[in-house]
C-alpha atoms as a PDB file:
ATOM      1  CA  MET A   1      16.999  -5.202 -28.563  1.00  0.00           C
ATOM      2  CA  THR A   2      13.567  -4.936 -26.939  1.00  0.00           C
ATOM      3  CA  THR A   3      13.483  -2.730 -23.813  1.00  0.00           C
ATOM      4  CA  LEU A   4       9.965  -1.969 -22.634  1.00  0.00           C
ATOM      5  CA  LEU A   5       8.782  -1.057 -19.136  1.00  0.00           C
ATOM      6  CA  PHE A   6       5.837  -2.627 -17.277  1.00  0.00           C
ATOM      7  CA  GLY A   7       5.082  -5.230 -19.876  1.00  0.00           C
ATOM      8  CA  VAL A   8       7.810  -6.555 -22.124  1.00  0.00           C
ATOM      9  CA  CYS A   9      10.797  -8.459 -20.847  1.00  0.00           C
ATOM     10  CA  ILE A  10      14.153  -7.449 -22.161  1.00  0.00           C
ATOM     11  CA  GLY A  11      16.143  -9.871 -24.190  1.00  0.00           C
ATOM     12  CA  GLY A  12      14.442 -10.673 -27.476  1.00  0.00           C
ATOM     13  CA  PRO A  13      11.399 -12.604 -28.692  1.00  0.00           C
ATOM     14  CA  GLU A  14      11.395 -15.198 -25.910  1.00  0.00           C
ATOM     15  CA  ALA A  15      11.406 -12.454 -23.312  1.00  0.00           C
ATOM     16  CA  GLU A  16       8.581 -10.589 -25.040  1.00  0.00           C
ATOM     17  CA  LYS A  17       6.230 -13.499 -24.376  1.00  0.00           C
ATOM     18  CA  ARG A  18       6.213 -12.572 -20.669  1.00  0.00           C
ATOM     19  CA  GLY A  19       4.599  -9.154 -21.190  1.00  0.00           C
ATOM     20  CA  SER A  20       2.648  -6.777 -23.395  1.00  0.00           C
ATOM     21  CA  VAL A  21       3.656  -3.923 -25.683  1.00  0.00           C
ATOM     22  CA  GLU A  22       1.691  -1.143 -24.008  1.00  0.00           C
ATOM     23  CA  SER A  23       4.552   0.360 -21.980  1.00  0.00           C
ATOM     24  CA  PRO A  24       7.146   3.098 -22.576  1.00  0.00           C
ATOM     25  CA  THR A  25      10.730   2.372 -23.513  1.00  0.00           C
ATOM     26  CA  LEU A  26      12.856   1.364 -20.542  1.00  0.00           C
ATOM     27  CA  MET A  27      16.084   3.307 -20.065  1.00  0.00           C
ATOM     28  CA  PRO A  28      19.199   1.895 -18.334  1.00  0.00           C
ATOM     29  CA  VAL A  29      18.332   3.869 -15.160  1.00  0.00           C
ATOM     30  CA  VAL A  30      14.865   3.888 -13.566  1.00  0.00           C
ATOM     31  CA  LEU A  31      14.017   6.128 -10.609  1.00  0.00           C
ATOM     32  CA  TYR A  32      10.801   5.589  -8.665  1.00  0.00           C
ATOM     33  CA  HIS A  33      10.064   8.020  -5.853  1.00  0.00           C
ATOM     34  CA  GLY A  34       7.152   9.182  -3.696  1.00  0.00           C
ATOM     35  CA  GLU A  35       5.299   8.550  -0.436  1.00  0.00           C
ATOM     36  CA  ASP A  36       3.104   5.642  -1.556  1.00  0.00           C
ATOM     37  CA  MET A  37       5.261   2.670  -0.530  1.00  0.00           C
ATOM     38  CA  TYR A  38       2.743   0.101  -1.729  1.00  0.00           C
ATOM     39  CA  ARG A  39       2.725   1.460  -5.271  1.00  0.00           C
ATOM     40  CA  LEU A  40       6.514   1.834  -5.179  1.00  0.00           C
ATOM     41  CA  ARG A  41       6.883  -1.844  -4.229  1.00  0.00           C
ATOM     42  CA  ARG A  42       4.385  -2.912  -6.863  1.00  0.00           C
ATOM     43  CA  ALA A  43       6.107  -0.888  -9.590  1.00  0.00           C
ATOM     44  CA  ALA A  44       9.479  -2.400  -8.630  1.00  0.00           C
ATOM     45  CA  GLU A  45       7.948  -5.870  -8.715  1.00  0.00           C
ATOM     46  CA  ARG A  46       6.567  -5.328 -12.195  1.00  0.00           C
ATOM     47  CA  LEU A  47       9.834  -3.912 -13.471  1.00  0.00           C
ATOM     48  CA  ARG A  48      11.738  -6.836 -11.974  1.00  0.00           C
ATOM     49  CA  ALA A  49       9.466  -9.312 -13.750  1.00  0.00           C
ATOM     50  CA  SER A  50       9.894  -7.353 -16.969  1.00  0.00           C
ATOM     51  CA  VAL A  51      13.694  -7.314 -16.890  1.00  0.00           C
ATOM     52  CA  VAL A  52      14.931 -10.439 -15.136  1.00  0.00           C
ATOM     53  CA  ALA A  53      14.379 -13.879 -16.626  1.00  0.00           C
ATOM     54  CA  PRO A  54      13.074 -16.250 -13.897  1.00  0.00           C
ATOM     55  CA  GLU A  55      15.763 -18.822 -14.569  1.00  0.00           C
ATOM     56  CA  MET A  56      18.511 -16.184 -14.206  1.00  0.00           C
ATOM     57  CA  VAL A  57      17.454 -14.457 -10.978  1.00  0.00           C
ATOM     58  CA  SER A  58      20.473 -15.668  -8.983  1.00  0.00           C
ATOM     59  CA  LEU A  59      22.914 -14.270 -11.553  1.00  0.00           C
ATOM     60  CA  CYS A  60      21.067 -11.284 -13.019  1.00  0.00           C
ATOM     61  CA  HIS A  61      19.371  -9.690 -10.028  1.00  0.00           C
ATOM     62  CA  ARG A  62      20.776  -7.978  -6.955  1.00  0.00           C
ATOM     63  CA  VAL A  63      19.203  -5.801  -4.247  1.00  0.00           C
ATOM     64  CA  LEU A  64      20.994  -3.158  -2.152  1.00  0.00           C
ATOM     65  CA  ARG A  65      19.255  -1.422   0.745  1.00  0.00           C
ATOM     66  CA  THR A  66      20.549   2.027   1.765  1.00  0.00           C
ATOM     67  CA  PRO A  67      24.021   1.127   0.421  1.00  0.00           C
ATOM     68  CA  SER A  68      27.180   3.040   1.130  1.00  0.00           C
ATOM     69  CA  LEU A  69      28.821   4.776  -1.809  1.00  0.00           C
ATOM     70  CA  SER A  70      31.572   2.164  -1.849  1.00  0.00           C
ATOM     71  CA  ALA A  71      29.082  -0.710  -2.004  1.00  0.00           C
ATOM     72  CA  LEU A  72      27.156   0.974  -4.806  1.00  0.00           C
ATOM     73  CA  LEU A  73      30.335   1.636  -6.810  1.00  0.00           C
ATOM     74  CA  GLU A  74      31.363  -1.995  -6.394  1.00  0.00           C
ATOM     75  CA  ALA A  75      27.945  -3.256  -7.529  1.00  0.00           C
ATOM     76  CA  LEU A  76      27.730  -1.004 -10.582  1.00  0.00           C
ATOM     77  CA  GLY A  77      31.363  -1.508 -11.508  1.00  0.00           C
ATOM     78  CA  THR A  78      31.259  -5.306 -11.408  1.00  0.00           C
ATOM     79  CA  ARG A  79      30.257  -7.043 -14.613  1.00  0.00           C
ATOM     80  CA  SER A  80      27.690  -9.756 -13.843  1.00  0.00           C
ATOM     81  CA  LEU A  81      27.778 -13.197 -15.432  1.00  0.00           C
ATOM     82  CA  SER A  82      24.522 -12.674 -17.292  1.00  0.00           C
ATOM     83  CA  PHE A  83      25.318 -14.873 -20.322  1.00  0.00           C
ATOM     84  CA  GLY A  84      23.503 -12.512 -22.681  1.00  0.00           C
ATOM     85  CA  TYR A  85      20.487 -11.935 -20.406  1.00  0.00           C
ATOM     86  CA  SER A  86      19.505  -8.547 -19.040  1.00  0.00           C
ATOM     87  CA  SER A  87      20.439  -7.812 -15.416  1.00  0.00           C
ATOM     88  CA  LEU A  88      18.912  -5.549 -12.784  1.00  0.00           C
ATOM     89  CA  LEU A  89      20.467  -3.860  -9.763  1.00  0.00           C
ATOM     90  CA  GLU A  90      17.875  -2.552  -7.287  1.00  0.00           C
ATOM     91  CA  CYS A  91      18.838   0.169  -4.851  1.00  0.00           C
ATOM     92  CA  TRP A  92      16.279   0.915  -2.133  1.00  0.00           C
ATOM     93  CA  GLY A  93      17.156   4.201  -0.515  1.00  0.00           C
ATOM     94  CA  LEU A  94      20.091   6.269  -1.753  1.00  0.00           C
ATOM     95  CA  THR A  95      21.475   8.878   0.620  1.00  0.00           C
ATOM     96  CA  LEU A  96      22.795  10.970  -2.281  1.00  0.00           C
ATOM     97  CA  LEU A  97      19.206  11.731  -3.316  1.00  0.00           C
ATOM     98  CA  SER A  98      18.270  13.242   0.040  1.00  0.00           C
ATOM     99  CA  GLU A  99      21.593  14.490   1.480  1.00  0.00           C
ATOM    100  CA  LYS A 100      24.732  16.203   0.219  1.00  0.00           C
ATOM    101  CA  PRO A 101      28.044  14.284  -0.044  1.00  0.00           C
ATOM    102  CA  ALA A 102      30.050  14.421   3.191  1.00  0.00           C
ATOM    103  CA  GLY A 103      33.353  15.958   2.168  1.00  0.00           C
ATOM    104  CA  ALA A 104      35.741  15.962  -0.780  1.00  0.00           C
ATOM    105  CA  ALA A 105      36.336  12.192  -0.711  1.00  0.00           C
ATOM    106  CA  GLU A 106      32.638  11.432  -1.207  1.00  0.00           C
ATOM    107  CA  GLU A 107      32.353  14.084  -3.903  1.00  0.00           C
ATOM    108  CA  LYS A 108      35.121  12.324  -5.798  1.00  0.00           C
ATOM    109  CA  GLN A 109      33.265   9.015  -5.436  1.00  0.00           C
ATOM    110  CA  VAL A 110      30.102  10.681  -6.732  1.00  0.00           C
ATOM    111  CA  GLU A 111      31.896  11.782  -9.883  1.00  0.00           C
ATOM    112  CA  PHE A 112      33.118   8.219 -10.403  1.00  0.00           C
ATOM    113  CA  LEU A 113      29.546   6.981  -9.847  1.00  0.00           C
ATOM    114  CA  LYS A 114      28.287   9.330 -12.552  1.00  0.00           C
ATOM    115  CA  SER A 115      30.795   7.927 -15.019  1.00  0.00           C
ATOM    116  CA  LEU A 116      29.682   4.350 -14.241  1.00  0.00           C
ATOM    117  CA  VAL A 117      26.016   5.247 -14.709  1.00  0.00           C
ATOM    118  CA  GLU A 118      26.691   7.002 -18.016  1.00  0.00           C
ATOM    119  CA  GLU A 119      28.480   3.904 -19.305  1.00  0.00           C
ATOM    120  CA  LEU A 120      25.797   1.372 -18.391  1.00  0.00           C
ATOM    121  CA  PRO A 121      25.218  -0.952 -21.372  1.00  0.00           C
ATOM    122  CA  ASP A 122      21.737  -1.632 -22.765  1.00  0.00           C
ATOM    123  CA  ASP A 123      21.460  -5.010 -21.027  1.00  0.00           C
ATOM    124  CA  ARG A 124      22.229  -3.650 -17.525  1.00  0.00           C
ATOM    125  CA  HIS A 125      19.618  -1.726 -15.581  1.00  0.00           C
ATOM    126  CA  TRP A 126      19.730   0.192 -12.325  1.00  0.00           C
ATOM    127  CA  LEU A 127      16.496   0.731 -10.408  1.00  0.00           C
ATOM    128  CA  VAL A 128      16.504   3.316  -7.619  1.00  0.00           C
ATOM    129  CA  VAL A 129      13.513   3.353  -5.248  1.00  0.00           C
ATOM    130  CA  GLN A 130      13.562   6.525  -3.203  1.00  0.00           C
ATOM    131  CA  PRO A 131      10.687   7.620  -0.932  1.00  0.00           C
ATOM    132  CA  LYS A 132      12.318  10.993  -0.270  1.00  0.00           C
ATOM    133  CA  LEU A 133      13.855  12.846  -3.213  1.00  0.00           C
ATOM    134  CA  ASP A 134      15.389  16.323  -2.992  1.00  0.00           C
ATOM    135  CA  LYS A 135      15.751  17.511  -6.589  1.00  0.00           C
ATOM    136  CA  ARG A 136      17.718  20.554  -5.427  1.00  0.00           C
ATOM    137  CA  LEU A 137      20.725  18.384  -4.578  1.00  0.00           C
ATOM    138  CA  GLY A 138      23.449  18.073  -7.184  1.00  0.00           C
ATOM    139  CA  PHE A 139      23.330  14.311  -7.746  1.00  0.00           C
ATOM    140  CA  ALA A 140      19.520  14.195  -7.717  1.00  0.00           C
ATOM    141  CA  LYS A 141      19.368  17.024 -10.251  1.00  0.00           C
ATOM    142  CA  TRP A 142      21.941  15.265 -12.423  1.00  0.00           C
ATOM    143  CA  LEU A 143      20.247  11.853 -12.250  1.00  0.00           C
ATOM    144  CA  THR A 144      16.712  13.105 -12.969  1.00  0.00           C
ATOM    145  CA  GLY A 145      18.030  15.161 -15.888  1.00  0.00           C
ATOM    146  CA  LEU A 146      20.050  12.310 -17.407  1.00  0.00           C
ATOM    147  CA  SER A 147      18.810  11.311 -20.850  1.00  0.00           C
ATOM    148  CA  GLY A 148      19.039   7.621 -19.931  1.00  0.00           C
ATOM    149  CA  THR A 149      16.821   7.901 -16.834  1.00  0.00           C
ATOM    150  CA  THR A 150      13.127   7.043 -16.526  1.00  0.00           C
ATOM    151  CA  VAL A 151      11.612   8.970 -13.592  1.00  0.00           C
ATOM    152  CA  GLN A 152       8.199   8.194 -12.113  1.00  0.00           C
ATOM    153  CA  GLU A 153       6.598   9.601  -8.966  1.00  0.00           C
ATOM    154  CA  PHE A 154       4.098   7.716  -6.808  1.00  0.00           C
ATOM    155  CA  LYS A 155       2.284  10.232  -4.643  1.00  0.00           C
ATOM    156  CA  GLN A 156       0.027   9.240  -1.778  1.00  0.00           C
ATOM    157  CA  LEU A 157      -3.496   9.794  -3.029  1.00  0.00           C
ATOM    158  CA  GLU A 158      -5.430  12.549  -1.307  1.00  0.00           C
ATOM    159  CA  PRO A 159      -8.619  11.342   0.427  1.00  0.00           C
ATOM    160  CA  TRP A 160     -10.911  13.150  -2.013  1.00  0.00           C
ATOM    161  CA  LYS A 161      -9.422  11.521  -5.148  1.00  0.00           C
ATOM    162  CA  VAL A 162     -11.885   8.655  -4.989  1.00  0.00           C
ATOM    163  CA  GLU A 163     -12.291   8.223  -8.749  1.00  0.00           C
ATOM    164  CA  GLU A 164      -8.541   7.931  -9.287  1.00  0.00           C
ATOM    165  CA  ALA A 165      -8.284   5.462  -6.405  1.00  0.00           C
ATOM    166  CA  ALA A 166     -11.058   3.332  -7.917  1.00  0.00           C
ATOM    167  CA  GLN A 167      -9.256   3.261 -11.277  1.00  0.00           C
ATOM    168  CA  LEU A 168      -5.966   2.288  -9.622  1.00  0.00           C
ATOM    169  CA  LEU A 169      -7.779  -0.447  -7.708  1.00  0.00           C
ATOM    170  CA  LEU A 170      -9.229  -1.827 -10.952  1.00  0.00           C
ATOM    171  CA  GLN A 171      -5.704  -1.875 -12.423  1.00  0.00           C
ATOM    172  CA  GLU A 172      -4.390  -3.623  -9.325  1.00  0.00           C
ATOM    173  CA  ALA A 173      -7.172  -6.202  -9.550  1.00  0.00           C
ATOM    174  CA  LYS A 174      -6.264  -6.873 -13.168  1.00  0.00           C
ATOM    175  CA  TYR A 175      -2.608  -7.344 -12.197  1.00  0.00           C
ATOM    176  CA  LEU A 176      -3.661  -9.782  -9.446  1.00  0.00           C
ATOM    177  CA  LYS A 177      -5.938 -11.588 -11.958  1.00  0.00           C
ATOM    178  CA  ILE A 178      -9.017 -10.692  -9.923  1.00  0.00           C
ATOM    179  CA  THR A 179     -12.256  -9.723 -11.669  1.00  0.00           C
ATOM    180  CA  LEU A 180     -13.574  -6.627  -9.931  1.00  0.00           C
ATOM    181  CA  LEU A 181     -16.628  -4.735 -11.145  1.00  0.00           C
ATOM    182  CA  PRO A 182     -16.206  -0.929 -11.302  1.00  0.00           C
ATOM    183  CA  ALA A 183     -19.192  -0.406  -8.978  1.00  0.00           C
ATOM    184  CA  ALA A 184     -17.584  -2.681  -6.373  1.00  0.00           C
ATOM    185  CA  ALA A 185     -14.282  -0.802  -6.705  1.00  0.00           C
ATOM    186  CA  SER A 186     -16.037   2.526  -6.085  1.00  0.00           C
ATOM    187  CA  GLN A 187     -17.868   1.036  -3.110  1.00  0.00           C
ATOM    188  CA  LEU A 188     -14.615  -0.230  -1.564  1.00  0.00           C
ATOM    189  CA  VAL A 189     -13.002   3.204  -1.945  1.00  0.00           C
ATOM    190  CA  ASP A 190     -16.046   4.795  -0.338  1.00  0.00           C
ATOM    191  CA  ILE A 191     -15.715   2.428   2.635  1.00  0.00           C
ATOM    192  CA  TYR A 192     -11.962   2.198   3.141  1.00  0.00           C
ATOM    193  CA  GLY A 193     -10.584   5.393   1.619  1.00  0.00           C
ATOM    194  CA  THR A 194      -7.817   5.853  -0.948  1.00  0.00           C
ATOM    195  CA  ASP A 195      -5.022   3.774   0.609  1.00  0.00           C
ATOM    196  CA  LEU A 196      -4.256   1.263  -2.168  1.00  0.00           C
ATOM    197  CA  GLN A 197      -2.586  -1.233   0.162  1.00  0.00           C
ATOM    198  CA  VAL A 198      -5.731  -1.486   2.287  1.00  0.00           C
ATOM    199  CA  LEU A 199      -7.899  -1.743  -0.825  1.00  0.00           C
ATOM    200  CA  ALA A 200      -5.708  -4.442  -2.383  1.00  0.00           C
ATOM    201  CA  THR A 201      -5.965  -6.490   0.806  1.00  0.00           C
ATOM    202  CA  GLU A 202      -9.746  -6.235   0.709  1.00  0.00           C
ATOM    203  CA  ILE A 203     -10.093  -7.398  -2.906  1.00  0.00           C
ATOM    204  CA  GLN A 204      -7.899 -10.415  -2.167  1.00  0.00           C
ATOM    205  CA  LYS A 205     -10.219 -11.309   0.733  1.00  0.00           C
ATOM    206  CA  LEU A 206     -13.215 -10.849  -1.540  1.00  0.00           C
ATOM    207  CA  ASP A 207     -11.629 -12.971  -4.266  1.00  0.00           C
ATOM    208  CA  ALA A 208     -11.196 -15.820  -1.788  1.00  0.00           C
ATOM    209  CA  TYR A 209     -14.782 -15.346  -0.628  1.00  0.00           C
ATOM    210  CA  THR A 210     -16.244 -15.454  -4.155  1.00  0.00           C
ATOM    211  CA  GLY A 211     -14.037 -18.357  -5.224  1.00  0.00           C
ATOM    212  CA  GLY A 212     -12.565 -16.427  -8.120  1.00  0.00           C
ATOM    213  CA  LYS A 213     -15.902 -15.186  -9.452  1.00  0.00           C
ATOM    214  CA  PRO A 214     -16.401 -11.507 -10.331  1.00  0.00           C
ATOM    215  CA  ILE A 215     -16.576  -9.285  -7.249  1.00  0.00           C
ATOM    216  CA  GLU A 216     -19.875  -7.395  -7.134  1.00  0.00           C
ATOM    217  CA  PRO A 217     -21.187  -4.734  -4.725  1.00  0.00           C
ATOM    218  CA  VAL A 218     -23.288  -7.359  -2.932  1.00  0.00           C
ATOM    219  CA  HIS A 219     -20.095  -9.243  -2.027  1.00  0.00           C
ATOM    220  CA  VAL A 220     -18.576  -6.049  -0.632  1.00  0.00           C
ATOM    221  CA  ASP A 221     -21.691  -5.562   1.499  1.00  0.00           C
ATOM    222  CA  THR A 222     -21.525  -9.123   2.789  1.00  0.00           C
ATOM    223  CA  LEU A 223     -17.835  -9.578   3.512  1.00  0.00           C
ATOM    224  CA  SER A 224     -16.747  -6.118   4.532  1.00  0.00           C
ATOM    225  CA  GLY A 225     -19.079  -6.225   7.505  1.00  0.00           C
ATOM    226  CA  ARG A 226     -19.794  -2.540   6.885  1.00  0.00           C
ATOM    227  CA  HIS A 227     -23.519  -2.869   6.228  1.00  0.00           C
ATOM    228  CA  HIS A 228     -25.873  -0.426   7.899  1.00  0.00           C
ATOM    229  CA  ASN A 229     -26.903  -2.574  10.884  1.00  0.00           C
ATOM    230  CA  LEU A 230     -23.349  -3.276  12.015  1.00  0.00           C
ATOM    231  CA  PHE A 231     -22.341   0.354  11.605  1.00  0.00           C
ATOM    232  CA  GLN A 232     -25.337   1.437  13.613  1.00  0.00           C
ATOM    233  CA  LEU A 233     -24.517  -1.128  16.303  1.00  0.00           C
ATOM    234  CA  LEU A 234     -20.900  -0.013  16.606  1.00  0.00           C
ATOM    235  CA  GLU A 235     -21.759   3.686  16.657  1.00  0.00           C
ATOM    236  CA  SER A 236     -24.330   3.099  19.412  1.00  0.00           C
ATOM    237  CA  TRP A 237     -21.987   0.832  21.390  1.00  0.00           C
ATOM    238  CA  VAL A 238     -19.118   3.323  21.294  1.00  0.00           C
ATOM    239  CA  ALA A 239     -21.472   6.089  22.405  1.00  0.00           C
ATOM    240  CA  GLY A 240     -22.610   3.983  25.399  1.00  0.00           C
ATOM    241  CA  ALA A 241     -26.234   3.427  24.300  1.00  0.00           C
ATOM    242  CA  ALA A 242     -28.720   1.229  26.205  1.00  0.00           C
ATOM    243  CA  ARG A 243     -27.795  -2.457  26.071  1.00  0.00           C
ATOM    244  CA  GLY A 244     -31.225  -3.960  25.324  1.00  0.00           C
ATOM    245  CA  PRO A 245     -31.601  -2.752  21.709  1.00  0.00           C
ATOM    246  CA  LEU A 246     -27.927  -3.554  21.017  1.00  0.00           C
ATOM    247  CA  TYR A 247     -28.399  -7.242  21.861  1.00  0.00           C
ATOM    248  CA  GLY A 248     -31.300  -7.431  19.398  1.00  0.00           C
ATOM    249  CA  MET A 249     -29.232  -5.832  16.649  1.00  0.00           C
ATOM    250  CA  LEU A 250     -26.309  -8.183  17.363  1.00  0.00           C
ATOM    251  CA  SER A 251     -28.581 -11.221  17.094  1.00  0.00           C
ATOM    252  CA  GLU A 252     -29.735 -10.115  13.637  1.00  0.00           C
ATOM    253  CA  ILE A 253     -26.170  -9.434  12.490  1.00  0.00           C
ATOM    254  CA  LEU A 254     -24.860 -12.832  13.631  1.00  0.00           C
ATOM    255  CA  HIS A 255     -27.526 -14.546  11.511  1.00  0.00           C
ATOM    256  CA  ALA A 256     -25.781 -13.142   8.419  1.00  0.00           C
ATOM    257  CA  ASP A 257     -22.153 -12.849   9.495  1.00  0.00           C
ATOM    258  CA  HIS A 258     -19.458 -14.752  11.381  1.00  0.00           C
ATOM    259  CA  PRO A 259     -18.336 -13.557  14.847  1.00  0.00           C
ATOM    260  CA  GLN A 260     -14.686 -13.326  13.774  1.00  0.00           C
ATOM    261  CA  ARG A 261     -15.581 -10.953  10.928  1.00  0.00           C
ATOM    262  CA  VAL A 262     -17.701  -8.867  13.278  1.00  0.00           C
ATOM    263  CA  PHE A 263     -14.742  -8.734  15.689  1.00  0.00           C
ATOM    264  CA  ALA A 264     -12.349  -7.712  12.910  1.00  0.00           C
ATOM    265  CA  THR A 265     -14.687  -4.945  11.770  1.00  0.00           C
ATOM    266  CA  ALA A 266     -15.233  -3.753  15.344  1.00  0.00           C
ATOM    267  CA  GLN A 267     -11.475  -3.560  15.936  1.00  0.00           C
ATOM    268  CA  THR A 268     -10.942  -1.575  12.731  1.00  0.00           C
ATOM    269  CA  PHE A 269     -13.851   0.699  13.620  1.00  0.00           C
ATOM    270  CA  VAL A 270     -12.710   1.397  17.188  1.00  0.00           C
ATOM    271  CA  ASP A 271      -9.044   1.799  16.183  1.00  0.00           C
ATOM    272  CA  SER A 272     -10.058   4.376  13.584  1.00  0.00           C
ATOM    273  CA  ARG A 273     -12.256   6.269  16.046  1.00  0.00           C
ATOM    274  CA  PHE A 274      -9.551   6.167  18.718  1.00  0.00           C
ATOM    275  CA  HIS A 275      -6.972   7.539  16.287  1.00  0.00           C
ATOM    276  CA  MET A 276      -9.362  10.305  15.235  1.00  0.00           C
ATOM    277  CA  LYS A 277     -10.267  11.228  18.806  1.00  0.00           C
ATOM    278  CA  TRP A 278      -6.603  11.304  19.808  1.00  0.00           C
ATOM    279  CA  LEU A 279      -5.797  13.655  16.939  1.00  0.00           C
ATOM    280  CA  VAL A 280      -8.683  15.886  17.998  1.00  0.00           C
ATOM    281  CA  THR A 281      -7.350  16.028  21.569  1.00  0.00           C
ATOM    282  CA  GLN A 282      -3.969  17.091  20.164  1.00  0.00           C
ATOM    283  CA  GLY A 283      -5.565  20.052  18.425  1.00  0.00           C
ATOM    284  CA  VAL A 284      -5.063  18.714  14.881  1.00  0.00           C
ATOM    285  CA  PRO A 285      -7.347  20.475  12.340  1.00  0.00           C
ATOM    286  CA  SER A 286     -10.039  18.358  10.680  1.00  0.00           C
ATOM    287  CA  ALA A 287      -8.490  18.863   7.229  1.00  0.00           C
ATOM    288  CA  ARG A 288      -5.209  17.396   8.453  1.00  0.00           C
ATOM    289  CA  ILE A 289      -7.068  14.523  10.176  1.00  0.00           C
ATOM    290  CA  ALA A 290      -8.681  13.685   6.815  1.00  0.00           C
ATOM    291  CA  GLU A 291      -5.226  13.516   5.207  1.00  0.00           C
ATOM    292  CA  VAL A 292      -3.778  11.326   7.964  1.00  0.00           C
ATOM    293  CA  LEU A 293      -6.720   8.903   8.011  1.00  0.00           C
ATOM    294  CA  LYS A 294      -7.108   9.016   4.204  1.00  0.00           C
ATOM    295  CA  LYS A 295     -10.800   9.833   4.431  1.00  0.00           C
ATOM    296  CA  HIS A 296     -13.000  12.414   2.761  1.00  0.00           C
ATOM    297  CA  PRO A 297     -13.166  15.631   4.837  1.00  0.00           C
ATOM    298  CA  TYR A 298     -16.972  15.468   5.000  1.00  0.00           C
ATOM    299  CA  ARG A 299     -16.857  11.924   6.389  1.00  0.00           C
ATOM    300  CA  VAL A 300     -14.321  13.048   9.003  1.00  0.00           C
ATOM    301  CA  LYS A 301     -16.636  15.912   9.973  1.00  0.00           C
ATOM    302  CA  ILE A 302     -19.569  13.516  10.482  1.00  0.00           C
ATOM    303  CA  GLU A 303     -17.474  11.046  12.499  1.00  0.00           C
ATOM    304  CA  MET A 304     -16.012  13.805  14.663  1.00  0.00           C
ATOM    305  CA  GLU A 305     -19.516  14.989  15.499  1.00  0.00           C
ATOM    306  CA  ALA A 306     -20.505  11.455  16.495  1.00  0.00           C
ATOM    307  CA  LEU A 307     -17.465  11.262  18.802  1.00  0.00           C
ATOM    308  CA  ALA A 308     -18.006  14.646  20.417  1.00  0.00           C
ATOM    309  CA  GLY A 309     -19.400  13.175  23.637  1.00  0.00           C
ATOM    310  CA  VAL A 310     -17.203  10.063  23.751  1.00  0.00           C
ATOM    311  CA  PRO A 311     -14.137  10.366  26.053  1.00  0.00           C
ATOM    312  CA  LEU A 312     -10.780   9.192  24.721  1.00  0.00           C
ATOM    313  CA  GLU A 313     -10.430   6.876  27.730  1.00  0.00           C
ATOM    314  CA  ARG A 314     -13.596   4.997  26.750  1.00  0.00           C
ATOM    315  CA  LEU A 315     -12.215   4.347  23.290  1.00  0.00           C
ATOM    316  CA  ARG A 316      -8.924   3.140  24.789  1.00  0.00           C
ATOM    317  CA  TYR A 317     -10.873   0.826  27.133  1.00  0.00           C
ATOM    318  CA  LEU A 318     -12.928  -0.595  24.245  1.00  0.00           C
ATOM    319  CA  LYS A 319      -9.746  -1.220  22.236  1.00  0.00           C
ATOM    320  CA  ASP A 320      -8.301  -3.223  25.134  1.00  0.00           C
ATOM    321  CA  MET A 321     -11.524  -5.203  25.589  1.00  0.00           C
ATOM    322  CA  LEU A 322     -11.667  -6.071  21.894  1.00  0.00           C
ATOM    323  CA  VAL A 323      -8.108  -7.421  21.958  1.00  0.00           C
ATOM    324  CA  ARG A 324      -8.789  -9.423  25.136  1.00  0.00           C
ATOM    325  CA  TYR A 325     -12.003 -11.088  23.984  1.00  0.00           C
ATOM    326  CA  ASP A 326     -10.745 -11.591  20.428  1.00  0.00           C
ATOM    327  CA  TRP A 327      -7.851 -13.611  21.870  1.00  0.00           C
ATOM    328  CA  GLN A 328     -10.185 -15.592  24.126  1.00  0.00           C
ATOM    329  CA  MET A 329     -12.457 -16.370  21.171  1.00  0.00           C
ATOM    330  CA  LYS A 330      -9.609 -17.442  18.858  1.00  0.00           C
ATOM    331  CA  THR A 331      -8.046 -19.667  21.533  1.00  0.00           C
ATOM    332  CA  GLY A 332     -11.352 -21.414  22.150  1.00  0.00           C
ATOM    333  CA  LYS A 333     -11.804 -20.126  25.696  1.00  0.00           C
ATOM    334  CA  ILE A 334     -15.163 -18.553  24.882  1.00  0.00           C
ATOM    335  CA  PRO A 335     -17.628 -18.803  21.941  1.00  0.00           C
ATOM    336  CA  GLY A 336     -17.558 -15.888  19.528  1.00  0.00           C
ATOM    337  CA  ASP A 337     -21.211 -14.883  19.981  1.00  0.00           C
ATOM    338  CA  THR A 338     -20.801 -14.965  23.772  1.00  0.00           C
ATOM    339  CA  ALA A 339     -17.673 -12.797  23.552  1.00  0.00           C
ATOM    340  CA  LEU A 340     -19.588 -10.240  21.511  1.00  0.00           C
ATOM    341  CA  GLU A 341     -22.481 -10.204  23.972  1.00  0.00           C
ATOM    342  CA  ILE A 342     -20.043  -9.591  26.841  1.00  0.00           C
ATOM    343  CA  LEU A 343     -18.417  -6.761  24.899  1.00  0.00           C
ATOM    344  CA  LEU A 344     -21.760  -5.021  24.479  1.00  0.00           C
ATOM    345  CA  SER A 345     -21.951  -4.730  28.262  1.00  0.00           C
ATOM    346  CA  CYS A 346     -18.712  -2.692  28.326  1.00  0.00           C
END
């Protein structure tokens, strides 16, 4: 019987057509853990597609979220009507992997659970997705050491791991059937940081913008709204610079970009600066700020210097103004270019 992870469906030659043969052997139990929820969800999605035949989802697939021990025992102990197909039980969040059993009764249930897991047949699979895993606990130690368990950790990428983030983004693009040039992937990481969920959202926007054509650095420059002029405008606006030059810069920007995209970029920009300034006022070290915002420490240093003379209350005020005029623009109460001109007077 074919049992491959992240590529080949389980269940014979017909199932193999749905994947590739580049993945490791899939064991009856799969444990995914770590802080990166986006990659956890994506890994679970790929595994689901690999195991469960589309026409058998209603019979061969079940999801439990933070189940009680009794519910988990019932689910694992019940034989599904799979008619020869492979089945998958997903368990999102298992208390046993982060807390000790509460009393002798639960400990007895845990022992019964172990026996059920050890007896899982080849065509039944149990996926556990666990953000927080304490390997010092008895059940966690037992499960991760079980010969029939595949364990994979998905750590949140540190802000300075830009090359790894770019490679993961290229893999994600391939999975989404989006053609992304390596230079464009590196550019996106440089702009948005190492959060794969944010990066995946951006490449889907870019794919729609290019109409399915390969995404190049020039497209990132155009659609991201992060080109030099707009950055310079936003930095000057936040700092309270003279209005005259800002209106000239805005006029040039609107010749090449749409007001709604400028608004979206401005909101992201101000939100990020507000978050950073708030952390600074709380006495959070710059290294920790870089981790929280998923940015390179040097970039955080530069941005903190630019915000040194900007009060937190001004950033809060600008956030409120952006929300107000964005709503007025989208509801047709005021043209987008007019809304932006009014904002520059704030």
